[in-house]
N, C-alpha and C. Protein backbone atom coordinates (compact mmCIF):
# COMPACT_ATOMS: atom_id res chain seq x y z
N MET A 1 0.84 -1.17 0.01
CA MET A 1 0.04 0.00 0.01
C MET A 1 0.89 1.25 0.02
N GLU A 2 0.55 2.17 -0.80
CA GLU A 2 1.35 3.41 -0.94
C GLU A 2 0.82 4.47 0.06
N PHE A 3 1.77 5.14 0.70
CA PHE A 3 1.44 6.23 1.61
C PHE A 3 0.82 7.44 0.86
N ASN A 4 -0.21 8.03 1.41
CA ASN A 4 -0.70 9.30 0.91
C ASN A 4 -1.31 10.10 2.03
N TRP A 5 -1.53 11.38 1.78
CA TRP A 5 -2.08 12.31 2.84
C TRP A 5 -3.49 11.93 3.25
N ALA A 6 -4.24 11.29 2.43
CA ALA A 6 -5.59 10.85 2.81
C ALA A 6 -5.51 9.88 3.99
N HIS A 7 -4.51 8.98 3.97
CA HIS A 7 -4.37 8.05 5.06
C HIS A 7 -4.07 8.79 6.41
N VAL A 8 -3.21 9.75 6.31
CA VAL A 8 -2.81 10.48 7.52
C VAL A 8 -4.01 11.29 8.02
N HIS A 9 -4.73 11.90 7.11
CA HIS A 9 -5.90 12.75 7.54
C HIS A 9 -6.98 11.82 8.19
N LEU A 10 -7.24 10.70 7.56
CA LEU A 10 -8.25 9.76 8.09
C LEU A 10 -7.81 9.21 9.46
N TRP A 11 -6.54 8.94 9.63
CA TRP A 11 -6.06 8.49 10.88
C TRP A 11 -6.15 9.57 11.96
N LEU A 12 -5.70 10.78 11.63
CA LEU A 12 -5.69 11.86 12.63
C LEU A 12 -7.03 12.35 13.01
N ASN A 13 -8.03 12.31 12.05
CA ASN A 13 -9.27 12.99 12.29
C ASN A 13 -10.12 12.35 13.41
N HIS A 14 -9.74 11.14 13.83
CA HIS A 14 -10.49 10.51 14.96
C HIS A 14 -10.03 11.09 16.31
N PHE A 15 -8.84 11.62 16.36
CA PHE A 15 -8.36 12.15 17.70
C PHE A 15 -9.17 13.34 18.15
N PRO A 16 -9.45 14.37 17.35
CA PRO A 16 -10.29 15.43 17.87
C PRO A 16 -11.69 14.99 18.29
N VAL A 17 -12.32 14.13 17.54
CA VAL A 17 -13.64 13.70 17.86
C VAL A 17 -13.68 12.95 19.20
N PHE A 18 -12.86 11.94 19.31
CA PHE A 18 -12.89 11.08 20.55
C PHE A 18 -12.12 11.76 21.66
N GLY A 19 -11.10 12.57 21.37
CA GLY A 19 -10.39 13.26 22.40
C GLY A 19 -11.23 14.28 23.12
N ILE A 20 -11.93 15.09 22.36
CA ILE A 20 -12.80 16.09 22.95
C ILE A 20 -13.92 15.39 23.76
N LEU A 21 -14.50 14.34 23.24
CA LEU A 21 -15.55 13.61 23.94
C LEU A 21 -15.04 13.07 25.28
N PHE A 22 -13.84 12.43 25.20
CA PHE A 22 -13.29 11.83 26.39
C PHE A 22 -12.92 12.94 27.40
N GLY A 23 -12.36 14.04 26.91
CA GLY A 23 -12.02 15.14 27.82
C GLY A 23 -13.23 15.76 28.46
N LEU A 24 -14.33 15.90 27.69
CA LEU A 24 -15.55 16.47 28.19
C LEU A 24 -16.18 15.55 29.29
N VAL A 25 -16.19 14.29 29.01
CA VAL A 25 -16.71 13.34 30.02
C VAL A 25 -15.84 13.34 31.25
N LEU A 26 -14.52 13.38 31.06
CA LEU A 26 -13.61 13.38 32.18
C LEU A 26 -13.80 14.67 33.01
N LEU A 27 -14.03 15.82 32.33
CA LEU A 27 -14.20 17.08 33.07
C LEU A 27 -15.54 17.06 33.85
N ILE A 28 -16.59 16.47 33.29
CA ILE A 28 -17.82 16.39 33.97
C ILE A 28 -17.69 15.51 35.22
N VAL A 29 -16.99 14.43 35.06
CA VAL A 29 -16.75 13.51 36.22
C VAL A 29 -15.95 14.21 37.29
N ALA A 30 -14.96 14.97 36.83
CA ALA A 30 -14.10 15.73 37.79
C ALA A 30 -14.91 16.77 38.52
N LEU A 31 -15.80 17.46 37.81
CA LEU A 31 -16.63 18.50 38.50
C LEU A 31 -17.57 17.87 39.48
N ARG A 32 -18.21 16.78 39.08
CA ARG A 32 -19.18 16.08 39.96
C ARG A 32 -18.50 15.52 41.21
N SER A 33 -17.27 15.01 41.05
CA SER A 33 -16.63 14.42 42.19
C SER A 33 -15.67 15.39 42.90
N LYS A 34 -15.63 16.65 42.37
CA LYS A 34 -14.73 17.66 42.93
C LYS A 34 -13.26 17.16 43.02
N ASN A 35 -12.85 16.55 41.91
CA ASN A 35 -11.51 15.98 41.84
C ASN A 35 -10.60 16.86 41.04
N ASP A 36 -9.71 17.60 41.73
CA ASP A 36 -8.81 18.50 41.06
C ASP A 36 -7.81 17.85 40.15
N PRO A 37 -7.22 16.73 40.50
CA PRO A 37 -6.27 16.07 39.57
C PRO A 37 -7.00 15.69 38.27
N LEU A 38 -8.25 15.25 38.31
CA LEU A 38 -8.97 14.92 37.07
C LEU A 38 -9.25 16.16 36.23
N LYS A 39 -9.54 17.27 36.93
CA LYS A 39 -9.74 18.49 36.20
C LYS A 39 -8.49 18.88 35.44
N ARG A 40 -7.39 18.75 36.12
CA ARG A 40 -6.07 19.09 35.50
C ARG A 40 -5.82 18.15 34.33
N LEU A 41 -6.10 16.86 34.52
CA LEU A 41 -5.91 15.91 33.43
C LEU A 41 -6.76 16.22 32.20
N SER A 42 -8.00 16.60 32.45
CA SER A 42 -8.87 16.92 31.30
C SER A 42 -8.36 18.17 30.57
N LEU A 43 -7.82 19.13 31.29
CA LEU A 43 -7.24 20.31 30.63
C LEU A 43 -5.98 19.94 29.83
N ILE A 44 -5.15 19.07 30.40
CA ILE A 44 -4.00 18.59 29.67
C ILE A 44 -4.38 17.89 28.41
N LEU A 45 -5.46 17.07 28.49
CA LEU A 45 -5.98 16.37 27.34
C LEU A 45 -6.46 17.38 26.22
N PHE A 46 -7.15 18.45 26.66
CA PHE A 46 -7.60 19.43 25.71
C PHE A 46 -6.45 20.15 25.03
N VAL A 47 -5.36 20.41 25.75
CA VAL A 47 -4.17 21.03 25.13
C VAL A 47 -3.60 20.07 24.08
N CYS A 48 -3.47 18.81 24.44
CA CYS A 48 -2.93 17.79 23.50
C CYS A 48 -3.80 17.65 22.26
N ILE A 49 -5.05 17.61 22.48
CA ILE A 49 -6.02 17.50 21.34
C ILE A 49 -5.92 18.78 20.44
N GLY A 50 -5.68 19.92 21.07
CA GLY A 50 -5.48 21.14 20.30
C GLY A 50 -4.28 21.03 19.36
N LEU A 51 -3.26 20.42 19.84
CA LEU A 51 -2.04 20.27 18.99
C LEU A 51 -2.26 19.31 17.88
N ILE A 52 -2.95 18.17 18.18
CA ILE A 52 -3.26 17.14 17.18
C ILE A 52 -4.21 17.69 16.12
N THR A 53 -5.11 18.54 16.56
CA THR A 53 -6.11 19.10 15.65
C THR A 53 -5.46 19.98 14.56
N ILE A 54 -4.38 20.65 14.91
CA ILE A 54 -3.65 21.50 13.93
C ILE A 54 -3.19 20.56 12.83
N GLY A 55 -2.62 19.41 13.21
CA GLY A 55 -2.13 18.47 12.18
C GLY A 55 -3.28 17.87 11.35
N THR A 56 -4.39 17.64 12.03
CA THR A 56 -5.60 17.10 11.31
C THR A 56 -6.07 18.11 10.29
N TYR A 57 -6.15 19.34 10.68
CA TYR A 57 -6.59 20.42 9.70
C TYR A 57 -5.63 20.58 8.58
N LEU A 58 -4.35 20.61 8.90
CA LEU A 58 -3.35 20.83 7.86
C LEU A 58 -3.22 19.71 6.83
N THR A 59 -3.61 18.49 7.21
CA THR A 59 -3.62 17.32 6.25
C THR A 59 -4.87 17.30 5.42
N GLY A 60 -5.86 18.15 5.71
CA GLY A 60 -7.10 18.12 5.00
C GLY A 60 -6.98 18.45 3.52
N GLU A 61 -6.20 19.52 3.23
CA GLU A 61 -6.02 19.96 1.81
C GLU A 61 -5.29 18.93 1.00
N PRO A 62 -4.15 18.39 1.50
CA PRO A 62 -3.50 17.33 0.75
C PRO A 62 -4.34 16.10 0.58
N ALA A 63 -5.18 15.80 1.59
CA ALA A 63 -6.07 14.65 1.49
C ALA A 63 -7.13 14.89 0.42
N GLU A 64 -7.59 16.14 0.30
CA GLU A 64 -8.55 16.46 -0.73
C GLU A 64 -8.00 16.24 -2.15
N GLU A 65 -6.70 16.57 -2.32
CA GLU A 65 -6.04 16.39 -3.60
C GLU A 65 -6.02 14.94 -4.03
N VAL A 66 -5.89 14.05 -3.02
CA VAL A 66 -5.95 12.60 -3.27
C VAL A 66 -7.36 12.13 -3.50
N ALA A 67 -8.27 12.50 -2.63
CA ALA A 67 -9.66 12.01 -2.59
C ALA A 67 -10.44 12.41 -3.82
N GLU A 68 -10.22 13.62 -4.35
CA GLU A 68 -11.08 14.08 -5.46
C GLU A 68 -10.92 13.27 -6.71
N HIS A 69 -9.91 12.39 -6.77
CA HIS A 69 -9.68 11.59 -7.93
C HIS A 69 -10.21 10.15 -7.73
N ILE A 70 -10.82 9.88 -6.57
CA ILE A 70 -11.32 8.53 -6.29
C ILE A 70 -12.78 8.44 -6.75
N PRO A 71 -13.08 7.38 -7.48
CA PRO A 71 -14.52 7.23 -7.92
C PRO A 71 -15.43 7.09 -6.68
N GLY A 72 -16.56 7.77 -6.76
CA GLY A 72 -17.53 7.71 -5.70
C GLY A 72 -17.40 8.85 -4.67
N VAL A 73 -16.33 9.61 -4.80
CA VAL A 73 -16.13 10.72 -3.87
C VAL A 73 -16.98 11.91 -4.33
N SER A 74 -17.70 12.46 -3.35
CA SER A 74 -18.57 13.61 -3.74
C SER A 74 -17.76 14.92 -3.52
N GLU A 75 -17.37 15.47 -4.60
CA GLU A 75 -16.62 16.76 -4.50
C GLU A 75 -17.49 17.86 -3.91
N SER A 76 -18.80 17.78 -4.13
CA SER A 76 -19.67 18.85 -3.59
C SER A 76 -19.82 18.68 -2.05
N ALA A 77 -19.45 17.55 -1.46
CA ALA A 77 -19.44 17.38 -0.04
C ALA A 77 -18.15 17.83 0.61
N ILE A 78 -17.10 18.02 -0.18
CA ILE A 78 -15.81 18.43 0.39
C ILE A 78 -15.83 19.81 0.95
N GLU A 79 -16.43 20.77 0.21
CA GLU A 79 -16.42 22.17 0.63
C GLU A 79 -17.14 22.40 2.00
N PRO A 80 -18.36 21.86 2.22
CA PRO A 80 -18.98 22.05 3.58
C PRO A 80 -18.11 21.48 4.66
N HIS A 81 -17.48 20.31 4.39
CA HIS A 81 -16.64 19.66 5.38
C HIS A 81 -15.43 20.61 5.70
N GLU A 82 -14.84 21.19 4.69
CA GLU A 82 -13.73 22.06 4.84
C GLU A 82 -14.06 23.29 5.67
N GLU A 83 -15.26 23.88 5.39
CA GLU A 83 -15.70 25.09 6.14
C GLU A 83 -15.96 24.73 7.56
N SER A 84 -16.62 23.60 7.75
CA SER A 84 -16.94 23.18 9.14
C SER A 84 -15.66 22.87 9.91
N ALA A 85 -14.67 22.30 9.21
CA ALA A 85 -13.41 21.93 9.89
C ALA A 85 -12.69 23.18 10.41
N LEU A 86 -12.82 24.31 9.68
CA LEU A 86 -12.21 25.56 10.14
C LEU A 86 -12.82 26.05 11.44
N TRP A 87 -14.13 25.92 11.54
CA TRP A 87 -14.87 26.33 12.76
C TRP A 87 -14.48 25.36 13.93
N SER A 88 -14.38 24.11 13.58
CA SER A 88 -13.96 23.16 14.63
C SER A 88 -12.57 23.46 15.11
N LEU A 89 -11.66 23.74 14.16
CA LEU A 89 -10.30 24.11 14.53
C LEU A 89 -10.30 25.27 15.44
N ILE A 90 -10.99 26.34 15.13
CA ILE A 90 -11.08 27.54 15.94
C ILE A 90 -11.59 27.23 17.33
N ALA A 91 -12.62 26.48 17.43
CA ALA A 91 -13.22 26.13 18.77
C ALA A 91 -12.25 25.28 19.58
N ILE A 92 -11.62 24.31 18.94
CA ILE A 92 -10.70 23.42 19.72
C ILE A 92 -9.49 24.23 20.13
N GLU A 93 -8.98 25.09 19.24
CA GLU A 93 -7.79 25.86 19.62
C GLU A 93 -8.11 26.82 20.77
N ALA A 94 -9.29 27.43 20.69
CA ALA A 94 -9.71 28.32 21.78
C ALA A 94 -9.79 27.52 23.09
N LEU A 95 -10.32 26.34 23.04
CA LEU A 95 -10.40 25.43 24.23
C LEU A 95 -8.97 25.13 24.71
N ALA A 96 -8.09 24.81 23.78
CA ALA A 96 -6.72 24.49 24.15
C ALA A 96 -6.02 25.67 24.80
N VAL A 97 -6.21 26.85 24.32
CA VAL A 97 -5.60 28.04 24.90
C VAL A 97 -6.13 28.32 26.28
N VAL A 98 -7.45 28.27 26.47
CA VAL A 98 -7.99 28.49 27.79
C VAL A 98 -7.55 27.36 28.80
N SER A 99 -7.47 26.13 28.30
CA SER A 99 -6.98 25.07 29.11
C SER A 99 -5.57 25.30 29.55
N LEU A 100 -4.74 25.69 28.59
CA LEU A 100 -3.32 25.95 28.92
C LEU A 100 -3.17 27.08 29.90
N ALA A 101 -3.96 28.15 29.69
CA ALA A 101 -3.90 29.32 30.61
C ALA A 101 -4.29 28.82 32.04
N GLY A 102 -5.35 28.04 32.11
CA GLY A 102 -5.80 27.53 33.42
C GLY A 102 -4.68 26.73 34.09
N LEU A 103 -3.98 25.88 33.34
CA LEU A 103 -2.93 25.11 33.83
C LEU A 103 -1.75 25.95 34.27
N LEU A 104 -1.37 26.95 33.49
CA LEU A 104 -0.23 27.78 33.82
C LEU A 104 -0.52 28.72 34.99
N PHE A 105 -1.74 29.23 35.09
CA PHE A 105 -2.06 30.16 36.17
C PHE A 105 -2.21 29.43 37.52
N SER A 106 -2.53 28.17 37.45
CA SER A 106 -2.77 27.42 38.70
C SER A 106 -1.53 26.75 39.19
N ARG A 107 -0.60 26.42 38.30
CA ARG A 107 0.62 25.72 38.62
C ARG A 107 0.25 24.48 39.43
N ARG A 108 0.60 24.44 40.70
CA ARG A 108 0.30 23.26 41.53
C ARG A 108 -0.95 23.45 42.40
N SER A 109 -1.52 24.64 42.38
CA SER A 109 -2.68 24.84 43.20
C SER A 109 -3.98 24.46 42.43
N VAL A 110 -5.07 24.78 42.98
CA VAL A 110 -6.35 24.46 42.41
C VAL A 110 -6.59 25.37 41.17
N ILE A 111 -7.09 24.78 40.11
CA ILE A 111 -7.40 25.52 38.89
C ILE A 111 -8.65 26.42 39.20
N PRO A 112 -8.56 27.74 38.88
CA PRO A 112 -9.69 28.59 39.18
C PRO A 112 -10.92 28.09 38.46
N SER A 113 -12.02 28.24 39.15
CA SER A 113 -13.32 27.75 38.61
C SER A 113 -13.73 28.44 37.29
N THR A 114 -13.27 29.71 37.16
CA THR A 114 -13.58 30.46 35.91
C THR A 114 -13.03 29.69 34.71
N PHE A 115 -11.78 29.22 34.78
CA PHE A 115 -11.17 28.47 33.68
C PHE A 115 -11.93 27.17 33.46
N ILE A 116 -12.30 26.52 34.49
CA ILE A 116 -13.03 25.21 34.38
C ILE A 116 -14.39 25.48 33.69
N THR A 117 -15.10 26.53 34.10
CA THR A 117 -16.40 26.85 33.51
C THR A 117 -16.25 27.15 32.04
N ILE A 118 -15.28 27.97 31.72
CA ILE A 118 -15.03 28.32 30.28
C ILE A 118 -14.65 27.04 29.46
N CYS A 119 -13.79 26.20 30.06
CA CYS A 119 -13.39 24.95 29.38
C CYS A 119 -14.60 24.05 29.14
N LEU A 120 -15.48 24.00 30.15
CA LEU A 120 -16.68 23.17 30.02
C LEU A 120 -17.52 23.68 28.84
N LEU A 121 -17.78 24.98 28.79
CA LEU A 121 -18.56 25.56 27.74
C LEU A 121 -17.89 25.38 26.36
N PHE A 122 -16.60 25.69 26.27
CA PHE A 122 -15.89 25.51 25.00
C PHE A 122 -15.82 24.08 24.55
N SER A 123 -15.70 23.14 25.49
CA SER A 123 -15.64 21.76 25.11
C SER A 123 -16.94 21.24 24.56
N ILE A 124 -18.05 21.77 25.11
CA ILE A 124 -19.41 21.41 24.59
C ILE A 124 -19.52 21.96 23.16
N ILE A 125 -19.15 23.21 22.92
CA ILE A 125 -19.22 23.80 21.62
C ILE A 125 -18.32 23.11 20.64
N ALA A 126 -17.07 22.81 21.13
CA ALA A 126 -16.11 22.06 20.24
C ALA A 126 -16.64 20.70 19.86
N MET A 127 -17.22 20.01 20.81
CA MET A 127 -17.74 18.68 20.61
C MET A 127 -18.85 18.72 19.54
N ALA A 128 -19.75 19.71 19.63
CA ALA A 128 -20.80 19.82 18.66
C ALA A 128 -20.24 20.10 17.28
N LEU A 129 -19.27 21.02 17.20
CA LEU A 129 -18.72 21.43 15.93
C LEU A 129 -17.91 20.28 15.26
N VAL A 130 -17.10 19.57 16.04
CA VAL A 130 -16.27 18.51 15.53
C VAL A 130 -17.14 17.30 15.14
N THR A 131 -18.24 17.12 15.84
CA THR A 131 -19.16 16.01 15.46
C THR A 131 -19.78 16.28 14.15
N TRP A 132 -20.19 17.52 13.89
CA TRP A 132 -20.82 17.95 12.61
C TRP A 132 -19.78 17.85 11.53
N THR A 133 -18.55 18.24 11.77
CA THR A 133 -17.46 18.14 10.81
C THR A 133 -17.25 16.73 10.38
N ALA A 134 -17.23 15.80 11.39
CA ALA A 134 -17.02 14.39 11.13
C ALA A 134 -18.16 13.81 10.29
N TYR A 135 -19.37 14.27 10.61
CA TYR A 135 -20.53 13.82 9.84
C TYR A 135 -20.42 14.25 8.37
N LEU A 136 -20.04 15.50 8.17
CA LEU A 136 -19.85 16.02 6.82
C LEU A 136 -18.72 15.31 6.11
N GLY A 137 -17.64 15.03 6.83
CA GLY A 137 -16.55 14.29 6.27
C GLY A 137 -16.94 12.88 5.80
N GLY A 138 -17.77 12.23 6.56
CA GLY A 138 -18.29 10.92 6.20
C GLY A 138 -19.04 10.95 4.90
N GLN A 139 -19.73 12.02 4.63
CA GLN A 139 -20.56 12.12 3.41
C GLN A 139 -19.66 12.25 2.15
N ILE A 140 -18.45 12.54 2.27
CA ILE A 140 -17.53 12.69 1.12
C ILE A 140 -17.39 11.35 0.41
N HIS A 141 -17.28 10.26 1.11
CA HIS A 141 -17.04 8.99 0.43
C HIS A 141 -18.01 7.91 0.95
N HIS A 142 -19.03 8.35 1.65
CA HIS A 142 -19.99 7.32 2.16
C HIS A 142 -21.38 7.76 1.70
N PRO A 143 -21.82 7.24 0.54
CA PRO A 143 -23.14 7.65 0.02
C PRO A 143 -24.27 7.30 0.91
N GLU A 144 -24.12 6.22 1.75
CA GLU A 144 -25.17 5.81 2.60
C GLU A 144 -25.48 6.90 3.70
N THR A 145 -24.59 7.83 3.85
CA THR A 145 -24.84 8.89 4.90
C THR A 145 -25.43 10.14 4.28
N ARG A 146 -25.53 10.20 2.99
CA ARG A 146 -26.03 11.39 2.31
C ARG A 146 -27.56 11.42 2.32
N PRO A 147 -28.11 12.65 2.43
CA PRO A 147 -29.61 12.76 2.39
C PRO A 147 -30.18 12.19 1.10
N GLY A 148 -31.23 11.54 1.19
CA GLY A 148 -31.95 10.90 0.05
C GLY A 148 -31.37 9.62 -0.39
N PHE A 149 -30.37 9.05 0.30
CA PHE A 149 -29.82 7.79 -0.09
C PHE A 149 -30.87 6.68 0.03
N GLN A 150 -30.97 5.83 -1.01
CA GLN A 150 -31.83 4.65 -0.97
C GLN A 150 -30.99 3.45 -1.17
N ALA A 151 -31.05 2.52 -0.28
CA ALA A 151 -30.28 1.31 -0.39
C ALA A 151 -30.77 0.49 -1.57
N PRO A 152 -29.89 -0.15 -2.28
CA PRO A 152 -30.27 -0.99 -3.40
C PRO A 152 -31.13 -2.17 -2.92
N VAL A 153 -32.08 -2.52 -3.70
CA VAL A 153 -32.95 -3.57 -3.33
C VAL A 153 -32.24 -4.93 -3.69
N ALA A 154 -32.15 -5.78 -2.74
CA ALA A 154 -31.46 -7.04 -2.90
C ALA A 154 -32.34 -7.98 -3.79
N GLY A 155 -31.74 -8.51 -4.81
CA GLY A 155 -32.43 -9.42 -5.66
C GLY A 155 -32.48 -10.83 -5.04
N ASN A 156 -33.33 -11.67 -5.64
CA ASN A 156 -33.40 -13.07 -5.12
C ASN A 156 -32.13 -13.78 -5.58
N ARG A 157 -31.53 -14.48 -4.62
CA ARG A 157 -30.33 -15.21 -4.95
C ARG A 157 -30.66 -16.68 -4.86
N SER A 158 -30.31 -17.42 -5.81
CA SER A 158 -30.48 -18.87 -5.84
C SER A 158 -29.16 -19.46 -5.52
N GLU A 159 -29.07 -20.22 -4.47
CA GLU A 159 -27.81 -20.87 -4.10
C GLU A 159 -27.93 -22.33 -4.14
């Protein structure tokens, strides 16, 4: 199998989706249990996901160059995915910056609740945006996810 940017993009794009989800769940558990080390861990995860998301976004354009030549790829689905990816990138990077600020300002003490509240709100927004972006990305090469798709009727098979 030959390496191409579509492979890298498809591999990387799962990290923002599942990373933000995991970080959000972790943050909610940390808030409910009043567990400061878990709060810190969720913020560290958000910073790491912010870094990975930059790579995910930057591999999108080279992946498009590969994908647009594949039969069955919907070029009309690429543009909405690309636009949504930009908004996801902005939201995730904002979350990463606020998370990093919370970590830096707190050092070894308790992270201020203002940062935690902002991170919670940003992570919910980022989760919604990255989920929509992933959905749009799936429509590029998965006709079964496109509006109006009708599954082919299976014929009678004689075996």
